[in-house]
Amino acid sequence: MSGSGEPATVPARVTVSELAAALDVGLAVVQHELESISEDAGPDHILDATTTANVSRSLGREIRVEARDLALECLYEMDSRYEDPGFEGLGARVERIVRGVSENREALDHEIEAASKHWALARMPMIDRAILRLGLWELKNEPETPTAVIVSEAVRLANSYSTARSASFVNGVLGALSKSVR
């Protein structure tokens, strides 16, 4: 954590070791806090966003979960439940992304399907569809964010939430889309 007093930013899924490093505290400190709430404290154990925030707060530290991760979780839930999520409490950037993808889903899906040769959207895992929608929406609506950052973050999300093969697929589809969108 920087000395500027800014909260550390972490993905929605973070290991115990990664959280300790982000908070700039010893691993044993985070492990002790996790054990006190009967949570697995192994260094490679993956924590969810809620546990991460609770542990950080109890240690007197502020943490911010990456907006793309939270948006992805909302988009995945939206796809799995076939309904639009509520937008309360998401934060401005997450809300903008989720609302933008939700309102433009049909057009995004059409473009994704056209760019993903031999893969119908219905055949793609839900998480991969959500990642592609998020990435394409960002390519179209966030011109201040470099293309390489958007594609890289989409690949990171695929590696974190899906599979290595999905990461390669996401990279290829968004790479192709970026050429026509930007």
N, C-alpha and C. Protein backbone atom coordinates (compact mmCIF):
# COMPACT_ATOMS: atom_id res chain seq x y z
N MET A 1 0.86 -1.18 0.00
CA MET A 1 0.00 0.00 0.00
C MET A 1 0.89 1.23 0.00
N SER A 2 0.54 2.18 -0.80
CA SER A 2 1.39 3.37 -0.90
C SER A 2 1.27 4.23 0.33
N GLY A 3 2.30 5.02 0.55
CA GLY A 3 2.30 5.90 1.71
C GLY A 3 1.39 7.10 1.54
N SER A 4 0.72 7.23 0.40
CA SER A 4 -0.11 8.40 0.13
C SER A 4 -1.44 8.35 0.85
N GLY A 5 -1.74 7.22 1.51
CA GLY A 5 -3.01 7.11 2.18
C GLY A 5 -4.12 6.63 1.27
N GLU A 6 -3.81 6.41 0.00
CA GLU A 6 -4.79 5.88 -0.95
C GLU A 6 -5.08 4.43 -0.63
N PRO A 7 -6.33 4.00 -0.76
CA PRO A 7 -6.62 2.59 -0.53
C PRO A 7 -6.00 1.72 -1.63
N ALA A 8 -5.60 0.52 -1.25
CA ALA A 8 -5.07 -0.43 -2.23
C ALA A 8 -6.23 -0.93 -3.08
N THR A 9 -5.96 -1.21 -4.35
CA THR A 9 -6.96 -1.76 -5.24
C THR A 9 -6.58 -3.20 -5.53
N VAL A 10 -7.55 -4.10 -5.35
CA VAL A 10 -7.31 -5.52 -5.56
C VAL A 10 -8.43 -6.11 -6.42
N PRO A 11 -8.16 -7.26 -7.06
CA PRO A 11 -9.23 -7.94 -7.77
C PRO A 11 -10.28 -8.44 -6.79
N ALA A 12 -11.44 -8.83 -7.29
CA ALA A 12 -12.50 -9.33 -6.42
C ALA A 12 -12.10 -10.67 -5.79
N ARG A 13 -11.26 -11.41 -6.46
CA ARG A 13 -10.74 -12.67 -5.92
C ARG A 13 -9.25 -12.48 -5.71
N VAL A 14 -8.81 -12.61 -4.47
CA VAL A 14 -7.42 -12.36 -4.12
C VAL A 14 -6.98 -13.43 -3.12
N THR A 15 -5.72 -13.87 -3.22
CA THR A 15 -5.22 -14.85 -2.25
C THR A 15 -4.89 -14.13 -0.94
N VAL A 16 -4.75 -14.92 0.12
CA VAL A 16 -4.37 -14.37 1.42
C VAL A 16 -3.03 -13.65 1.30
N SER A 17 -2.08 -14.25 0.60
CA SER A 17 -0.76 -13.62 0.41
C SER A 17 -0.87 -12.31 -0.36
N GLU A 18 -1.68 -12.30 -1.41
CA GLU A 18 -1.84 -11.07 -2.20
C GLU A 18 -2.50 -9.96 -1.38
N LEU A 19 -3.45 -10.34 -0.52
CA LEU A 19 -4.08 -9.33 0.33
C LEU A 19 -3.07 -8.75 1.31
N ALA A 20 -2.25 -9.59 1.93
CA ALA A 20 -1.23 -9.10 2.85
C ALA A 20 -0.30 -8.12 2.15
N ALA A 21 0.10 -8.46 0.93
CA ALA A 21 0.99 -7.57 0.18
C ALA A 21 0.30 -6.26 -0.17
N ALA A 22 -0.97 -6.33 -0.58
CA ALA A 22 -1.71 -5.12 -0.95
C ALA A 22 -1.90 -4.20 0.26
N LEU A 23 -2.08 -4.80 1.43
CA LEU A 23 -2.29 -4.01 2.65
C LEU A 23 -0.97 -3.59 3.28
N ASP A 24 0.13 -4.13 2.77
CA ASP A 24 1.45 -3.86 3.30
C ASP A 24 1.55 -4.25 4.78
N VAL A 25 1.03 -5.44 5.07
CA VAL A 25 1.13 -6.02 6.41
C VAL A 25 1.68 -7.43 6.25
N GLY A 26 2.15 -7.98 7.33
CA GLY A 26 2.69 -9.34 7.29
C GLY A 26 1.60 -10.37 7.01
N LEU A 27 2.01 -11.44 6.37
CA LEU A 27 1.08 -12.53 6.07
C LEU A 27 0.45 -13.06 7.35
N ALA A 28 1.24 -13.20 8.41
CA ALA A 28 0.73 -13.73 9.68
C ALA A 28 -0.39 -12.85 10.25
N VAL A 29 -0.31 -11.54 10.03
CA VAL A 29 -1.35 -10.63 10.53
C VAL A 29 -2.68 -10.92 9.85
N VAL A 30 -2.65 -11.07 8.52
CA VAL A 30 -3.88 -11.37 7.77
C VAL A 30 -4.39 -12.77 8.14
N GLN A 31 -3.48 -13.73 8.25
CA GLN A 31 -3.88 -15.08 8.61
C GLN A 31 -4.55 -15.12 9.98
N HIS A 32 -3.99 -14.39 10.94
CA HIS A 32 -4.59 -14.34 12.28
C HIS A 32 -6.01 -13.77 12.22
N GLU A 33 -6.19 -12.71 11.45
CA GLU A 33 -7.51 -12.09 11.31
C GLU A 33 -8.50 -13.06 10.68
N LEU A 34 -8.06 -13.79 9.68
CA LEU A 34 -8.93 -14.76 9.02
C LEU A 34 -9.29 -15.90 9.96
N GLU A 35 -8.32 -16.38 10.71
CA GLU A 35 -8.59 -17.46 11.67
C GLU A 35 -9.58 -17.01 12.73
N SER A 36 -9.55 -15.73 13.10
CA SER A 36 -10.48 -15.23 14.12
C SER A 36 -11.93 -15.23 13.64
N ILE A 37 -12.13 -15.28 12.32
CA ILE A 37 -13.49 -15.36 11.78
C ILE A 37 -13.76 -16.73 11.14
N SER A 38 -12.92 -17.71 11.53
CA SER A 38 -13.05 -19.10 11.07
C SER A 38 -13.00 -19.23 9.56
N GLU A 39 -12.13 -18.47 8.95
CA GLU A 39 -11.93 -18.51 7.50
C GLU A 39 -10.60 -19.20 7.23
N ASP A 40 -10.52 -19.96 6.15
CA ASP A 40 -9.27 -20.61 5.74
C ASP A 40 -8.20 -19.53 5.58
N ALA A 41 -7.04 -19.75 6.18
CA ALA A 41 -5.99 -18.73 6.19
C ALA A 41 -4.74 -19.17 5.44
N GLY A 42 -4.84 -20.22 4.65
CA GLY A 42 -3.69 -20.65 3.86
C GLY A 42 -3.25 -19.55 2.91
N PRO A 43 -1.96 -19.41 2.67
CA PRO A 43 -1.45 -18.30 1.85
C PRO A 43 -2.04 -18.27 0.44
N ASP A 44 -2.40 -19.43 -0.10
CA ASP A 44 -2.95 -19.50 -1.45
C ASP A 44 -4.47 -19.58 -1.48
N HIS A 45 -5.09 -19.51 -0.32
CA HIS A 45 -6.56 -19.54 -0.26
C HIS A 45 -7.11 -18.27 -0.91
N ILE A 46 -8.12 -18.43 -1.75
CA ILE A 46 -8.70 -17.28 -2.46
C ILE A 46 -9.86 -16.72 -1.65
N LEU A 47 -9.81 -15.42 -1.43
CA LEU A 47 -10.84 -14.71 -0.68
C LEU A 47 -11.78 -14.00 -1.63
N ASP A 48 -13.04 -13.90 -1.26
CA ASP A 48 -13.98 -13.13 -2.06
C ASP A 48 -13.91 -11.66 -1.65
N ALA A 49 -14.62 -10.82 -2.40
CA ALA A 49 -14.55 -9.37 -2.17
C ALA A 49 -15.06 -8.98 -0.79
N THR A 50 -16.11 -9.64 -0.32
CA THR A 50 -16.67 -9.30 0.99
C THR A 50 -15.69 -9.62 2.11
N THR A 51 -15.11 -10.80 2.07
CA THR A 51 -14.14 -11.19 3.10
C THR A 51 -12.93 -10.27 3.05
N THR A 52 -12.46 -9.96 1.84
CA THR A 52 -11.33 -9.06 1.68
C THR A 52 -11.62 -7.71 2.33
N ALA A 53 -12.79 -7.17 2.05
CA ALA A 53 -13.16 -5.86 2.62
C ALA A 53 -13.27 -5.94 4.15
N ASN A 54 -13.89 -7.00 4.66
CA ASN A 54 -14.05 -7.15 6.11
C ASN A 54 -12.72 -7.27 6.83
N VAL A 55 -11.81 -8.08 6.29
CA VAL A 55 -10.49 -8.24 6.91
C VAL A 55 -9.73 -6.93 6.86
N SER A 56 -9.78 -6.26 5.73
CA SER A 56 -9.07 -4.99 5.58
C SER A 56 -9.58 -3.97 6.59
N ARG A 57 -10.90 -3.87 6.71
CA ARG A 57 -11.50 -2.94 7.67
C ARG A 57 -11.10 -3.28 9.09
N SER A 58 -11.11 -4.56 9.44
CA SER A 58 -10.77 -4.94 10.80
C SER A 58 -9.31 -4.65 11.12
N LEU A 59 -8.47 -4.57 10.09
CA LEU A 59 -7.07 -4.21 10.28
C LEU A 59 -6.84 -2.71 10.18
N GLY A 60 -7.93 -1.95 10.06
CA GLY A 60 -7.83 -0.49 9.99
C GLY A 60 -7.30 0.00 8.66
N ARG A 61 -7.46 -0.80 7.63
CA ARG A 61 -6.99 -0.42 6.30
C ARG A 61 -8.17 -0.31 5.35
N GLU A 62 -7.99 0.51 4.34
CA GLU A 62 -9.04 0.67 3.33
C GLU A 62 -8.60 -0.06 2.07
N ILE A 63 -9.53 -0.78 1.48
CA ILE A 63 -9.25 -1.53 0.27
C ILE A 63 -10.33 -1.21 -0.75
N ARG A 64 -9.96 -1.21 -2.00
CA ARG A 64 -10.93 -0.98 -3.07
C ARG A 64 -10.85 -2.18 -4.00
N VAL A 65 -12.02 -2.76 -4.29
CA VAL A 65 -12.05 -3.90 -5.21
C VAL A 65 -12.16 -3.36 -6.63
N GLU A 66 -11.39 -3.94 -7.54
CA GLU A 66 -11.33 -3.53 -8.94
C GLU A 66 -12.74 -3.47 -9.53
N ALA A 67 -13.07 -2.35 -10.14
CA ALA A 67 -14.41 -2.13 -10.69
C ALA A 67 -14.78 -3.17 -11.74
N ARG A 68 -13.84 -3.56 -12.58
CA ARG A 68 -14.14 -4.55 -13.62
C ARG A 68 -14.57 -5.88 -13.01
N ASP A 69 -13.92 -6.27 -11.92
CA ASP A 69 -14.29 -7.53 -11.27
C ASP A 69 -15.72 -7.47 -10.75
N LEU A 70 -16.06 -6.36 -10.10
CA LEU A 70 -17.42 -6.22 -9.57
C LEU A 70 -18.44 -6.16 -10.71
N ALA A 71 -18.10 -5.46 -11.78
CA ALA A 71 -19.00 -5.39 -12.93
C ALA A 71 -19.19 -6.78 -13.53
N LEU A 72 -18.11 -7.53 -13.64
CA LEU A 72 -18.21 -8.89 -14.18
C LEU A 72 -19.13 -9.75 -13.33
N GLU A 73 -19.00 -9.66 -12.02
CA GLU A 73 -19.88 -10.44 -11.14
C GLU A 73 -21.34 -10.08 -11.38
N CYS A 74 -21.63 -8.79 -11.52
CA CYS A 74 -23.01 -8.35 -11.79
C CYS A 74 -23.49 -8.86 -13.15
N LEU A 75 -22.64 -8.77 -14.16
CA LEU A 75 -23.02 -9.21 -15.51
C LEU A 75 -23.25 -10.72 -15.54
N TYR A 76 -22.43 -11.46 -14.84
CA TYR A 76 -22.60 -12.91 -14.76
C TYR A 76 -23.93 -13.24 -14.09
N GLU A 77 -24.21 -12.57 -13.00
CA GLU A 77 -25.47 -12.79 -12.29
C GLU A 77 -26.65 -12.44 -13.19
N MET A 78 -26.53 -11.36 -13.93
CA MET A 78 -27.59 -10.94 -14.84
C MET A 78 -27.86 -12.02 -15.88
N ASP A 79 -26.81 -12.60 -16.43
CA ASP A 79 -26.95 -13.64 -17.45
C ASP A 79 -27.50 -14.93 -16.85
N SER A 80 -27.06 -15.29 -15.67
CA SER A 80 -27.49 -16.56 -15.08
C SER A 80 -28.92 -16.50 -14.54
N ARG A 81 -29.37 -15.32 -14.17
CA ARG A 81 -30.73 -15.19 -13.63
C ARG A 81 -31.72 -14.64 -14.65
N TYR A 82 -31.23 -14.28 -15.83
CA TYR A 82 -32.07 -13.73 -16.90
C TYR A 82 -32.84 -12.49 -16.47
N GLU A 83 -32.18 -11.68 -15.66
CA GLU A 83 -32.80 -10.42 -15.24
C GLU A 83 -31.72 -9.37 -15.02
N ASP A 84 -32.11 -8.13 -15.15
CA ASP A 84 -31.17 -7.04 -14.90
C ASP A 84 -30.97 -6.92 -13.39
N PRO A 85 -29.72 -6.70 -12.99
CA PRO A 85 -29.45 -6.55 -11.56
C PRO A 85 -29.90 -5.18 -11.08
N GLY A 86 -30.02 -5.06 -9.79
CA GLY A 86 -30.23 -3.73 -9.23
C GLY A 86 -28.91 -2.98 -9.31
N PHE A 87 -28.98 -1.67 -9.33
CA PHE A 87 -27.77 -0.88 -9.49
C PHE A 87 -27.36 -0.15 -8.21
N GLU A 88 -28.09 -0.36 -7.13
CA GLU A 88 -27.79 0.36 -5.90
C GLU A 88 -26.50 -0.16 -5.28
N GLY A 89 -25.70 0.77 -4.80
CA GLY A 89 -24.50 0.43 -4.06
C GLY A 89 -23.34 -0.12 -4.88
N LEU A 90 -23.40 -0.01 -6.18
CA LEU A 90 -22.34 -0.56 -7.02
C LEU A 90 -21.15 0.37 -7.17
N GLY A 91 -21.35 1.62 -6.97
CA GLY A 91 -20.31 2.60 -7.27
C GLY A 91 -20.53 3.10 -8.68
N ALA A 92 -20.14 4.33 -8.94
CA ALA A 92 -20.45 4.98 -10.21
C ALA A 92 -19.87 4.25 -11.42
N ARG A 93 -18.62 3.86 -11.35
CA ARG A 93 -18.00 3.21 -12.53
C ARG A 93 -18.62 1.84 -12.78
N VAL A 94 -18.81 1.07 -11.74
CA VAL A 94 -19.40 -0.26 -11.90
C VAL A 94 -20.81 -0.13 -12.45
N GLU A 95 -21.57 0.80 -11.92
CA GLU A 95 -22.94 1.01 -12.40
C GLU A 95 -22.95 1.41 -13.87
N ARG A 96 -22.04 2.31 -14.25
CA ARG A 96 -21.98 2.76 -15.65
C ARG A 96 -21.69 1.57 -16.58
N ILE A 97 -20.76 0.72 -16.19
CA ILE A 97 -20.42 -0.45 -17.01
C ILE A 97 -21.60 -1.41 -17.09
N VAL A 98 -22.15 -1.77 -15.95
CA VAL A 98 -23.23 -2.77 -15.92
C VAL A 98 -24.45 -2.25 -16.67
N ARG A 99 -24.81 -1.00 -16.41
CA ARG A 99 -25.96 -0.41 -17.11
C ARG A 99 -25.69 -0.34 -18.62
N GLY A 100 -24.49 0.07 -19.00
CA GLY A 100 -24.14 0.18 -20.41
C GLY A 100 -24.21 -1.16 -21.12
N VAL A 101 -23.65 -2.20 -20.50
CA VAL A 101 -23.70 -3.54 -21.10
C VAL A 101 -25.14 -4.02 -21.16
N SER A 102 -25.87 -3.82 -20.10
CA SER A 102 -27.27 -4.27 -20.04
C SER A 102 -28.12 -3.61 -21.12
N GLU A 103 -27.96 -2.32 -21.28
CA GLU A 103 -28.77 -1.58 -22.25
C GLU A 103 -28.36 -1.84 -23.70
N ASN A 104 -27.15 -2.31 -23.92
CA ASN A 104 -26.63 -2.54 -25.28
C ASN A 104 -26.34 -4.01 -25.56
N ARG A 105 -26.87 -4.87 -24.74
CA ARG A 105 -26.53 -6.29 -24.80
C ARG A 105 -26.77 -6.92 -26.17
N GLU A 106 -27.90 -6.65 -26.76
CA GLU A 106 -28.23 -7.26 -28.06
C GLU A 106 -27.21 -6.87 -29.13
N ALA A 107 -26.88 -5.59 -29.21
CA ALA A 107 -25.90 -5.12 -30.20
C ALA A 107 -24.51 -5.68 -29.90
N LEU A 108 -24.13 -5.71 -28.63
CA LEU A 108 -22.83 -6.26 -28.24
C LEU A 108 -22.75 -7.73 -28.63
N ASP A 109 -23.81 -8.47 -28.33
CA ASP A 109 -23.84 -9.90 -28.65
C ASP A 109 -23.71 -10.14 -30.14
N HIS A 110 -24.36 -9.33 -30.93
CA HIS A 110 -24.29 -9.46 -32.39
C HIS A 110 -22.84 -9.29 -32.86
N GLU A 111 -22.18 -8.27 -32.36
CA GLU A 111 -20.79 -8.01 -32.75
C GLU A 111 -19.84 -9.10 -32.27
N ILE A 112 -20.06 -9.59 -31.06
CA ILE A 112 -19.21 -10.65 -30.51
C ILE A 112 -19.37 -11.92 -31.33
N GLU A 113 -20.60 -12.27 -31.63
CA GLU A 113 -20.84 -13.49 -32.39
C GLU A 113 -20.23 -13.39 -33.80
N ALA A 114 -20.31 -12.23 -34.40
CA ALA A 114 -19.72 -12.04 -35.73
C ALA A 114 -18.20 -12.17 -35.69
N ALA A 115 -17.58 -11.74 -34.60
CA ALA A 115 -16.12 -11.78 -34.49
C ALA A 115 -15.59 -13.13 -33.99
N SER A 116 -16.43 -13.93 -33.38
CA SER A 116 -15.97 -15.21 -32.83
C SER A 116 -16.29 -16.33 -33.81
N LYS A 117 -15.41 -16.52 -34.73
CA LYS A 117 -15.60 -17.49 -35.80
C LYS A 117 -15.89 -18.88 -35.23
N HIS A 118 -16.93 -19.49 -35.76
CA HIS A 118 -17.31 -20.86 -35.42
C HIS A 118 -17.81 -21.02 -33.98
N TRP A 119 -18.11 -19.94 -33.31
CA TRP A 119 -18.62 -20.03 -31.94
C TRP A 119 -19.90 -19.20 -31.82
N ALA A 120 -21.01 -19.90 -31.69
CA ALA A 120 -22.27 -19.20 -31.42
C ALA A 120 -22.22 -18.71 -29.98
N LEU A 121 -22.81 -17.58 -29.74
CA LEU A 121 -22.82 -17.00 -28.39
C LEU A 121 -23.41 -17.98 -27.38
N ALA A 122 -24.43 -18.71 -27.76
CA ALA A 122 -25.09 -19.66 -26.86
C ALA A 122 -24.16 -20.80 -26.44
N ARG A 123 -23.14 -21.07 -27.23
CA ARG A 123 -22.20 -22.15 -26.90
C ARG A 123 -21.10 -21.69 -25.94
N MET A 124 -20.93 -20.40 -25.79
CA MET A 124 -19.88 -19.86 -24.92
C MET A 124 -20.29 -19.98 -23.46
N PRO A 125 -19.32 -20.26 -22.59
CA PRO A 125 -19.64 -20.23 -21.16
C PRO A 125 -20.15 -18.84 -20.77
N MET A 126 -21.07 -18.80 -19.83
CA MET A 126 -21.65 -17.52 -19.40
C MET A 126 -20.59 -16.52 -18.96
N ILE A 127 -19.58 -16.99 -18.25
CA ILE A 127 -18.56 -16.06 -17.76
C ILE A 127 -17.78 -15.45 -18.91
N ASP A 128 -17.52 -16.25 -19.96
CA ASP A 128 -16.80 -15.72 -21.12
C ASP A 128 -17.65 -14.70 -21.87
N ARG A 129 -18.94 -14.97 -21.98
CA ARG A 129 -19.84 -13.99 -22.62
C ARG A 129 -19.82 -12.67 -21.85
N ALA A 130 -19.89 -12.78 -20.53
CA ALA A 130 -19.89 -11.56 -19.71
C ALA A 130 -18.58 -10.79 -19.88
N ILE A 131 -17.46 -11.49 -19.91
CA ILE A 131 -16.16 -10.83 -20.09
C ILE A 131 -16.09 -10.14 -21.45
N LEU A 132 -16.55 -10.83 -22.48
CA LEU A 132 -16.52 -10.25 -23.83
C LEU A 132 -17.44 -9.04 -23.93
N ARG A 133 -18.61 -9.12 -23.34
CA ARG A 133 -19.54 -7.97 -23.36
C ARG A 133 -18.90 -6.78 -22.66
N LEU A 134 -18.32 -7.02 -21.49
CA LEU A 134 -17.68 -5.95 -20.73
C LEU A 134 -16.54 -5.34 -21.55
N GLY A 135 -15.69 -6.18 -22.12
CA GLY A 135 -14.56 -5.68 -22.90
C GLY A 135 -15.00 -4.90 -24.12
N LEU A 136 -15.96 -5.42 -24.86
CA LEU A 136 -16.44 -4.71 -26.05
C LEU A 136 -17.10 -3.39 -25.66
N TRP A 137 -17.89 -3.39 -24.61
CA TRP A 137 -18.52 -2.15 -24.17
C TRP A 137 -17.44 -1.11 -23.84
N GLU A 138 -16.40 -1.54 -23.14
CA GLU A 138 -15.32 -0.60 -22.82
C GLU A 138 -14.62 -0.10 -24.08
N LEU A 139 -14.37 -0.98 -25.04
CA LEU A 139 -13.74 -0.55 -26.29
C LEU A 139 -14.57 0.53 -26.98
N LYS A 140 -15.88 0.39 -26.92
CA LYS A 140 -16.76 1.32 -27.61
C LYS A 140 -17.02 2.60 -26.83
N ASN A 141 -16.97 2.52 -25.50
CA ASN A 141 -17.46 3.63 -24.69
C ASN A 141 -16.43 4.28 -23.77
N GLU A 142 -15.23 3.76 -23.72
CA GLU A 142 -14.21 4.35 -22.86
C GLU A 142 -12.95 4.64 -23.68
N PRO A 143 -13.04 5.64 -24.58
CA PRO A 143 -11.92 5.92 -25.48
C PRO A 143 -10.65 6.36 -24.75
N GLU A 144 -10.77 6.85 -23.53
CA GLU A 144 -9.58 7.27 -22.79
C GLU A 144 -8.78 6.09 -22.26
N THR A 145 -9.38 4.90 -22.23
CA THR A 145 -8.67 3.70 -21.79
C THR A 145 -8.03 3.05 -23.01
N PRO A 146 -6.72 2.86 -22.98
CA PRO A 146 -6.05 2.26 -24.13
C PRO A 146 -6.59 0.86 -24.45
N THR A 147 -6.62 0.54 -25.73
CA THR A 147 -7.10 -0.76 -26.19
C THR A 147 -6.35 -1.89 -25.50
N ALA A 148 -5.04 -1.77 -25.42
CA ALA A 148 -4.23 -2.82 -24.81
C ALA A 148 -4.62 -3.07 -23.35
N VAL A 149 -4.98 -2.02 -22.64
CA VAL A 149 -5.39 -2.17 -21.23
C VAL A 149 -6.71 -2.91 -21.16
N ILE A 150 -7.65 -2.56 -22.01
CA ILE A 150 -8.96 -3.21 -22.00
C ILE A 150 -8.82 -4.70 -22.32
N VAL A 151 -8.07 -5.01 -23.35
CA VAL A 151 -7.88 -6.42 -23.74
C VAL A 151 -7.12 -7.16 -22.64
N SER A 152 -6.08 -6.56 -22.10
CA SER A 152 -5.30 -7.18 -21.04
C SER A 152 -6.15 -7.46 -19.80
N GLU A 153 -6.99 -6.51 -19.43
CA GLU A 153 -7.86 -6.71 -18.27
C GLU A 153 -8.90 -7.80 -18.53
N ALA A 154 -9.40 -7.88 -19.75
CA ALA A 154 -10.35 -8.95 -20.09
C ALA A 154 -9.66 -10.31 -20.01
N VAL A 155 -8.43 -10.39 -20.46
CA VAL A 155 -7.67 -11.64 -20.36
C VAL A 155 -7.42 -11.98 -18.89
N ARG A 156 -7.10 -10.97 -18.08
CA ARG A 156 -6.91 -11.20 -16.63
C ARG A 156 -8.17 -11.76 -16.01
N LEU A 157 -9.31 -11.19 -16.38
CA LEU A 157 -10.59 -11.68 -15.85
C LEU A 157 -10.83 -13.12 -16.28
N ALA A 158 -10.54 -13.44 -17.53
CA ALA A 158 -10.72 -14.81 -18.01
C ALA A 158 -9.79 -15.76 -17.26
N ASN A 159 -8.55 -15.36 -17.04
CA ASN A 159 -7.63 -16.20 -16.27
C ASN A 159 -8.10 -16.39 -14.83
N SER A 160 -8.68 -15.36 -14.24
CA SER A 160 -9.12 -15.43 -12.85
C SER A 160 -10.43 -16.18 -12.68
N TYR A 161 -11.36 -16.01 -13.62
CA TYR A 161 -12.71 -16.54 -13.43
C TYR A 161 -13.06 -17.70 -14.36
N SER A 162 -12.27 -17.92 -15.40
CA SER A 162 -12.58 -18.97 -16.36
C SER A 162 -11.36 -19.86 -16.53
N THR A 163 -10.93 -20.11 -17.75
CA THR A 163 -9.83 -21.04 -17.99
C THR A 163 -8.75 -20.38 -18.86
N ALA A 164 -7.60 -21.03 -18.94
CA ALA A 164 -6.52 -20.53 -19.79
C ALA A 164 -6.97 -20.51 -21.25
N ARG A 165 -7.74 -21.52 -21.66
CA ARG A 165 -8.24 -21.54 -23.03
C ARG A 165 -9.20 -20.37 -23.26
N SER A 166 -9.98 -20.05 -22.25
CA SER A 166 -10.90 -18.92 -22.37
C SER A 166 -10.13 -17.62 -22.51
N ALA A 167 -9.04 -17.50 -21.77
CA ALA A 167 -8.23 -16.28 -21.85
C ALA A 167 -7.72 -16.07 -23.28
N SER A 168 -7.27 -17.13 -23.91
CA SER A 168 -6.80 -17.05 -25.29
C SER A 168 -7.94 -16.68 -26.23
N PHE A 169 -9.10 -17.28 -26.03
CA PHE A 169 -10.28 -17.00 -26.85
C PHE A 169 -10.70 -15.54 -26.70
N VAL A 170 -10.79 -15.07 -25.46
CA VAL A 170 -11.16 -13.68 -25.18
C VAL A 170 -10.17 -12.73 -25.84
N ASN A 171 -8.90 -13.03 -25.73
CA ASN A 171 -7.87 -12.20 -26.35
C ASN A 171 -8.09 -12.11 -27.87
N GLY A 172 -8.34 -13.23 -28.50
CA GLY A 172 -8.53 -13.24 -29.95
C GLY A 172 -9.77 -12.49 -30.40
N VAL A 173 -10.88 -12.73 -29.70
CA VAL A 173 -12.13 -12.07 -30.08
C VAL A 173 -12.04 -10.56 -29.85
N LEU A 174 -11.56 -10.15 -28.68
CA LEU A 174 -11.46 -8.70 -28.43
C LEU A 174 -10.41 -8.04 -29.31
N GLY A 175 -9.35 -8.77 -29.63
CA GLY A 175 -8.34 -8.23 -30.54
C GLY A 175 -8.96 -7.95 -31.90
N ALA A 176 -9.77 -8.89 -32.40
CA ALA A 176 -10.44 -8.70 -33.68
C ALA A 176 -11.45 -7.55 -33.60
N LEU A 177 -12.21 -7.51 -32.52
CA LEU A 177 -13.21 -6.45 -32.36
C LEU A 177 -12.55 -5.07 -32.25
N SER A 178 -11.41 -5.01 -31.60
CA SER A 178 -10.76 -3.71 -31.42
C SER A 178 -10.36 -3.10 -32.74
N LYS A 179 -10.07 -3.92 -33.72
CA LYS A 179 -9.69 -3.40 -35.04
C LYS A 179 -10.87 -2.74 -35.76
N SER A 180 -12.07 -3.26 -35.51
CA SER A 180 -13.23 -2.68 -36.17
C SER A 180 -13.89 -1.57 -35.35
N VAL A 181 -13.67 -1.58 -34.04
CA VAL A 181 -14.32 -0.61 -33.14
C VAL A 181 -13.49 0.65 -32.98
N ARG A 182 -12.18 0.52 -32.96
CA ARG A 182 -11.32 1.68 -32.69
C ARG A 182 -10.55 2.08 -33.89
